[in-house]
Amino acid sequence: MSMVRIHPVSIVIAVIWICMVVLAMLCGDLAASAGILPNRWMGIGMIFGLSTVVLVVVGVCCLRSSAPRILVRLLQLVGMAGAFWAAGTLTRAIYALTV
């Protein structure tokens, strides 16, 4: 019986992603009360979103090459969508707290 080893970078990025998505779900009502974001906050949200997407891409690249390609691409798609959604929700929640 052989154990499948996953690169530690992928595990750390998965934990960060899961924490972001759970925190975004918990802050959903707060984010909904933020209204329209000013341009500066939109820029901050975009930078935050792109940085989380880069984390997802790095995490997927560190997976084993023996994993089925369709599974890796599906994981990357779900990860990127969740990263953008969580980044936008968290940015709106932080904006609602600071205003």
N, C-alpha and C. Protein backbone atom coordinates (compact mmCIF):
# COMPACT_ATOMS: atom_id res chain seq x y z
N MET A 1 0.85 -1.17 0.00
CA MET A 1 0.00 0.00 0.00
C MET A 1 0.89 1.23 0.00
N SER A 2 0.74 2.08 -0.99
CA SER A 2 1.55 3.29 -1.07
C SER A 2 0.70 4.50 -0.73
N MET A 3 1.31 5.39 0.01
CA MET A 3 0.62 6.63 0.38
C MET A 3 0.83 7.68 -0.70
N VAL A 4 -0.21 8.41 -0.99
CA VAL A 4 -0.10 9.50 -1.94
C VAL A 4 0.36 10.73 -1.18
N ARG A 5 1.45 11.31 -1.62
CA ARG A 5 1.98 12.50 -0.97
C ARG A 5 1.53 13.73 -1.73
N ILE A 6 1.05 14.70 -0.99
CA ILE A 6 0.65 15.97 -1.56
C ILE A 6 1.67 17.01 -1.10
N HIS A 7 2.08 17.85 -2.02
CA HIS A 7 3.08 18.87 -1.71
C HIS A 7 2.54 19.79 -0.61
N PRO A 8 3.38 20.15 0.38
CA PRO A 8 2.93 21.01 1.48
C PRO A 8 2.40 22.36 1.02
N VAL A 9 2.92 22.89 -0.09
CA VAL A 9 2.42 24.18 -0.60
C VAL A 9 0.95 24.06 -0.97
N SER A 10 0.58 22.97 -1.61
CA SER A 10 -0.82 22.76 -1.99
C SER A 10 -1.72 22.66 -0.77
N ILE A 11 -1.24 22.01 0.27
CA ILE A 11 -2.04 21.88 1.49
C ILE A 11 -2.24 23.23 2.17
N VAL A 12 -1.18 24.03 2.26
CA VAL A 12 -1.26 25.35 2.89
C VAL A 12 -2.20 26.25 2.11
N ILE A 13 -2.10 26.23 0.79
CA ILE A 13 -2.97 27.06 -0.04
C ILE A 13 -4.43 26.60 0.07
N ALA A 14 -4.66 25.30 0.15
CA ALA A 14 -6.02 24.80 0.32
C ALA A 14 -6.61 25.26 1.66
N VAL A 15 -5.81 25.25 2.70
CA VAL A 15 -6.28 25.71 4.02
C VAL A 15 -6.61 27.20 3.97
N ILE A 16 -5.75 28.00 3.34
CA ILE A 16 -6.02 29.45 3.22
C ILE A 16 -7.30 29.67 2.43
N TRP A 17 -7.47 28.94 1.33
CA TRP A 17 -8.67 29.09 0.49
C TRP A 17 -9.93 28.73 1.27
N ILE A 18 -9.89 27.62 1.99
CA ILE A 18 -11.06 27.19 2.76
C ILE A 18 -11.40 28.22 3.84
N CYS A 19 -10.39 28.74 4.53
CA CYS A 19 -10.64 29.76 5.55
C CYS A 19 -11.25 31.02 4.94
N MET A 20 -10.77 31.43 3.77
CA MET A 20 -11.33 32.61 3.11
C MET A 20 -12.79 32.39 2.72
N VAL A 21 -13.10 31.24 2.17
CA VAL A 21 -14.47 30.98 1.72
C VAL A 21 -15.41 30.89 2.92
N VAL A 22 -15.00 30.23 3.98
CA VAL A 22 -15.84 30.13 5.18
C VAL A 22 -16.05 31.50 5.80
N LEU A 23 -14.99 32.30 5.88
CA LEU A 23 -15.10 33.65 6.44
C LEU A 23 -16.01 34.51 5.57
N ALA A 24 -15.92 34.36 4.25
CA ALA A 24 -16.79 35.12 3.35
C ALA A 24 -18.25 34.71 3.53
N MET A 25 -18.50 33.42 3.75
CA MET A 25 -19.89 32.99 3.99
C MET A 25 -20.43 33.58 5.28
N LEU A 26 -19.58 33.66 6.29
CA LEU A 26 -20.02 34.21 7.56
C LEU A 26 -20.24 35.72 7.48
N CYS A 27 -19.53 36.40 6.60
CA CYS A 27 -19.63 37.86 6.48
C CYS A 27 -20.56 38.28 5.35
N GLY A 28 -21.35 37.37 4.82
CA GLY A 28 -22.21 37.67 3.68
C GLY A 28 -23.20 38.78 3.95
N ASP A 29 -23.86 38.78 5.11
CA ASP A 29 -24.83 39.82 5.43
C ASP A 29 -24.17 41.18 5.60
N LEU A 30 -22.99 41.19 6.20
CA LEU A 30 -22.25 42.43 6.38
C LEU A 30 -21.83 43.00 5.03
N ALA A 31 -21.40 42.14 4.14
CA ALA A 31 -20.98 42.59 2.81
C ALA A 31 -22.16 43.13 2.01
N ALA A 32 -23.34 42.55 2.20
CA ALA A 32 -24.52 43.01 1.48
C ALA A 32 -24.92 44.42 1.89
N SER A 33 -24.56 44.83 3.09
CA SER A 33 -24.93 46.16 3.56
C SER A 33 -23.92 47.23 3.14
N ALA A 34 -22.89 46.87 2.40
CA ALA A 34 -21.83 47.83 2.06
C ALA A 34 -22.25 48.84 1.01
N GLY A 35 -23.20 48.49 0.16
CA GLY A 35 -23.58 49.42 -0.90
C GLY A 35 -22.56 49.40 -2.02
N ILE A 36 -22.44 50.51 -2.73
CA ILE A 36 -21.50 50.61 -3.86
C ILE A 36 -20.13 51.00 -3.33
N LEU A 37 -19.12 50.26 -3.77
CA LEU A 37 -17.76 50.54 -3.32
C LEU A 37 -17.16 51.71 -4.09
N PRO A 38 -16.39 52.58 -3.41
CA PRO A 38 -15.64 53.62 -4.13
C PRO A 38 -14.54 52.99 -4.98
N ASN A 39 -14.01 53.76 -5.92
CA ASN A 39 -13.00 53.24 -6.85
C ASN A 39 -11.77 52.69 -6.13
N ARG A 40 -11.33 53.35 -5.08
CA ARG A 40 -10.14 52.88 -4.36
C ARG A 40 -10.37 51.49 -3.78
N TRP A 41 -11.56 51.27 -3.22
CA TRP A 41 -11.88 49.97 -2.64
C TRP A 41 -12.06 48.90 -3.71
N MET A 42 -12.53 49.30 -4.87
CA MET A 42 -12.64 48.33 -5.98
C MET A 42 -11.25 47.87 -6.40
N GLY A 43 -10.31 48.79 -6.44
CA GLY A 43 -8.93 48.43 -6.78
C GLY A 43 -8.32 47.49 -5.76
N ILE A 44 -8.57 47.77 -4.50
CA ILE A 44 -8.07 46.90 -3.42
C ILE A 44 -8.67 45.50 -3.57
N GLY A 45 -9.97 45.43 -3.84
CA GLY A 45 -10.63 44.15 -4.03
C GLY A 45 -10.08 43.37 -5.21
N MET A 46 -9.79 44.08 -6.31
CA MET A 46 -9.22 43.42 -7.49
C MET A 46 -7.83 42.86 -7.19
N ILE A 47 -7.00 43.62 -6.51
CA ILE A 47 -5.66 43.15 -6.16
C ILE A 47 -5.76 41.94 -5.23
N PHE A 48 -6.65 42.01 -4.25
CA PHE A 48 -6.86 40.90 -3.32
C PHE A 48 -7.36 39.66 -4.07
N GLY A 49 -8.30 39.86 -5.00
CA GLY A 49 -8.83 38.75 -5.78
C GLY A 49 -7.78 38.11 -6.68
N LEU A 50 -7.00 38.93 -7.36
CA LEU A 50 -5.96 38.38 -8.23
C LEU A 50 -4.87 37.67 -7.44
N SER A 51 -4.55 38.17 -6.25
CA SER A 51 -3.53 37.48 -5.44
C SER A 51 -4.04 36.12 -4.96
N THR A 52 -5.32 36.02 -4.64
CA THR A 52 -5.84 34.71 -4.23
C THR A 52 -5.93 33.75 -5.41
N VAL A 53 -6.21 34.27 -6.60
CA VAL A 53 -6.22 33.42 -7.80
C VAL A 53 -4.81 32.91 -8.09
N VAL A 54 -3.81 33.76 -7.90
CA VAL A 54 -2.42 33.32 -8.09
C VAL A 54 -2.09 32.20 -7.10
N LEU A 55 -2.57 32.33 -5.87
CA LEU A 55 -2.37 31.25 -4.90
C LEU A 55 -2.98 29.95 -5.38
N VAL A 56 -4.18 30.01 -5.94
CA VAL A 56 -4.83 28.79 -6.44
C VAL A 56 -4.02 28.17 -7.58
N VAL A 57 -3.55 29.00 -8.50
CA VAL A 57 -2.77 28.49 -9.63
C VAL A 57 -1.48 27.84 -9.14
N VAL A 58 -0.80 28.46 -8.19
CA VAL A 58 0.43 27.88 -7.63
C VAL A 58 0.12 26.56 -6.93
N GLY A 59 -0.97 26.53 -6.18
CA GLY A 59 -1.35 25.30 -5.48
C GLY A 59 -1.64 24.16 -6.44
N VAL A 60 -2.31 24.46 -7.55
CA VAL A 60 -2.63 23.42 -8.53
C VAL A 60 -1.37 22.97 -9.25
N CYS A 61 -0.46 23.89 -9.51
CA CYS A 61 0.79 23.53 -10.20
C CYS A 61 1.66 22.61 -9.34
N CYS A 62 1.50 22.68 -8.02
CA CYS A 62 2.30 21.85 -7.13
C CYS A 62 1.70 20.45 -6.93
N LEU A 63 0.54 20.19 -7.53
CA LEU A 63 -0.05 18.85 -7.42
C LEU A 63 0.76 17.86 -8.25
N ARG A 64 0.57 16.61 -7.94
CA ARG A 64 1.30 15.55 -8.67
C ARG A 64 0.88 15.51 -10.13
N SER A 65 1.81 15.22 -10.99
CA SER A 65 1.50 15.16 -12.42
C SER A 65 0.70 13.91 -12.78
N SER A 66 0.62 12.96 -11.86
CA SER A 66 -0.14 11.73 -12.15
C SER A 66 -1.63 11.91 -11.93
N ALA A 67 -2.04 13.04 -11.39
CA ALA A 67 -3.47 13.30 -11.20
C ALA A 67 -4.13 13.50 -12.57
N PRO A 68 -5.38 13.05 -12.73
CA PRO A 68 -6.07 13.23 -14.02
C PRO A 68 -6.19 14.72 -14.36
N ARG A 69 -5.88 15.05 -15.59
CA ARG A 69 -5.85 16.46 -16.02
C ARG A 69 -7.20 17.14 -15.86
N ILE A 70 -8.29 16.43 -16.17
CA ILE A 70 -9.62 17.03 -16.05
C ILE A 70 -9.93 17.36 -14.60
N LEU A 71 -9.49 16.51 -13.68
CA LEU A 71 -9.71 16.77 -12.26
C LEU A 71 -8.92 17.99 -11.80
N VAL A 72 -7.70 18.11 -12.27
CA VAL A 72 -6.87 19.26 -11.90
C VAL A 72 -7.49 20.55 -12.43
N ARG A 73 -7.95 20.53 -13.68
CA ARG A 73 -8.56 21.75 -14.26
C ARG A 73 -9.88 22.10 -13.57
N LEU A 74 -10.66 21.10 -13.19
CA LEU A 74 -11.90 21.35 -12.47
C LEU A 74 -11.61 21.94 -11.10
N LEU A 75 -10.61 21.42 -10.43
CA LEU A 75 -10.19 21.96 -9.14
C LEU A 75 -9.73 23.40 -9.28
N GLN A 76 -8.99 23.68 -10.34
CA GLN A 76 -8.52 25.04 -10.58
C GLN A 76 -9.68 25.98 -10.86
N LEU A 77 -10.66 25.53 -11.64
CA LEU A 77 -11.82 26.37 -11.96
C LEU A 77 -12.62 26.71 -10.71
N VAL A 78 -12.92 25.70 -9.90
CA VAL A 78 -13.67 25.93 -8.67
C VAL A 78 -12.86 26.80 -7.71
N GLY A 79 -11.57 26.57 -7.63
CA GLY A 79 -10.72 27.36 -6.76
C GLY A 79 -10.67 28.82 -7.15
N MET A 80 -10.58 29.10 -8.44
CA MET A 80 -10.52 30.48 -8.91
C MET A 80 -11.85 31.20 -8.70
N ALA A 81 -12.94 30.51 -8.98
CA ALA A 81 -14.26 31.13 -8.77
C ALA A 81 -14.47 31.42 -7.29
N GLY A 82 -14.12 30.48 -6.43
CA GLY A 82 -14.26 30.70 -5.00
C GLY A 82 -13.35 31.80 -4.49
N ALA A 83 -12.16 31.89 -5.06
CA ALA A 83 -11.21 32.93 -4.63
C ALA A 83 -11.73 34.32 -4.99
N PHE A 84 -12.24 34.49 -6.22
CA PHE A 84 -12.78 35.80 -6.61
C PHE A 84 -14.01 36.16 -5.77
N TRP A 85 -14.90 35.19 -5.56
CA TRP A 85 -16.11 35.47 -4.79
C TRP A 85 -15.75 35.84 -3.35
N ALA A 86 -14.85 35.07 -2.73
CA ALA A 86 -14.46 35.34 -1.35
C ALA A 86 -13.75 36.68 -1.23
N ALA A 87 -12.88 37.00 -2.19
CA ALA A 87 -12.16 38.28 -2.14
C ALA A 87 -13.14 39.45 -2.25
N GLY A 88 -14.10 39.34 -3.15
CA GLY A 88 -15.08 40.42 -3.29
C GLY A 88 -15.96 40.57 -2.05
N THR A 89 -16.41 39.46 -1.50
CA THR A 89 -17.25 39.51 -0.31
C THR A 89 -16.49 40.06 0.89
N LEU A 90 -15.27 39.61 1.07
CA LEU A 90 -14.48 40.10 2.21
C LEU A 90 -14.11 41.57 2.05
N THR A 91 -13.83 42.02 0.83
CA THR A 91 -13.54 43.43 0.61
C THR A 91 -14.75 44.29 0.95
N ARG A 92 -15.92 43.86 0.53
CA ARG A 92 -17.14 44.62 0.85
C ARG A 92 -17.43 44.61 2.35
N ALA A 93 -17.16 43.49 3.01
CA ALA A 93 -17.39 43.41 4.47
C ALA A 93 -16.42 44.33 5.22
N ILE A 94 -15.16 44.34 4.80
CA ILE A 94 -14.19 45.24 5.45
C ILE A 94 -14.55 46.69 5.21
N TYR A 95 -15.01 47.01 3.99
CA TYR A 95 -15.45 48.37 3.70
C TYR A 95 -16.64 48.76 4.58
N ALA A 96 -17.58 47.84 4.76
CA ALA A 96 -18.74 48.15 5.60
C ALA A 96 -18.33 48.39 7.05
N LEU A 97 -17.28 47.71 7.51
CA LEU A 97 -16.81 47.93 8.89
C LEU A 97 -16.08 49.25 9.06
N THR A 98 -15.43 49.72 8.00
CA THR A 98 -14.63 50.95 8.14
C THR A 98 -15.42 52.21 7.87
N VAL A 99 -16.59 52.12 7.29
CA VAL A 99 -17.38 53.31 6.98
C VAL A 99 -18.32 53.64 8.10
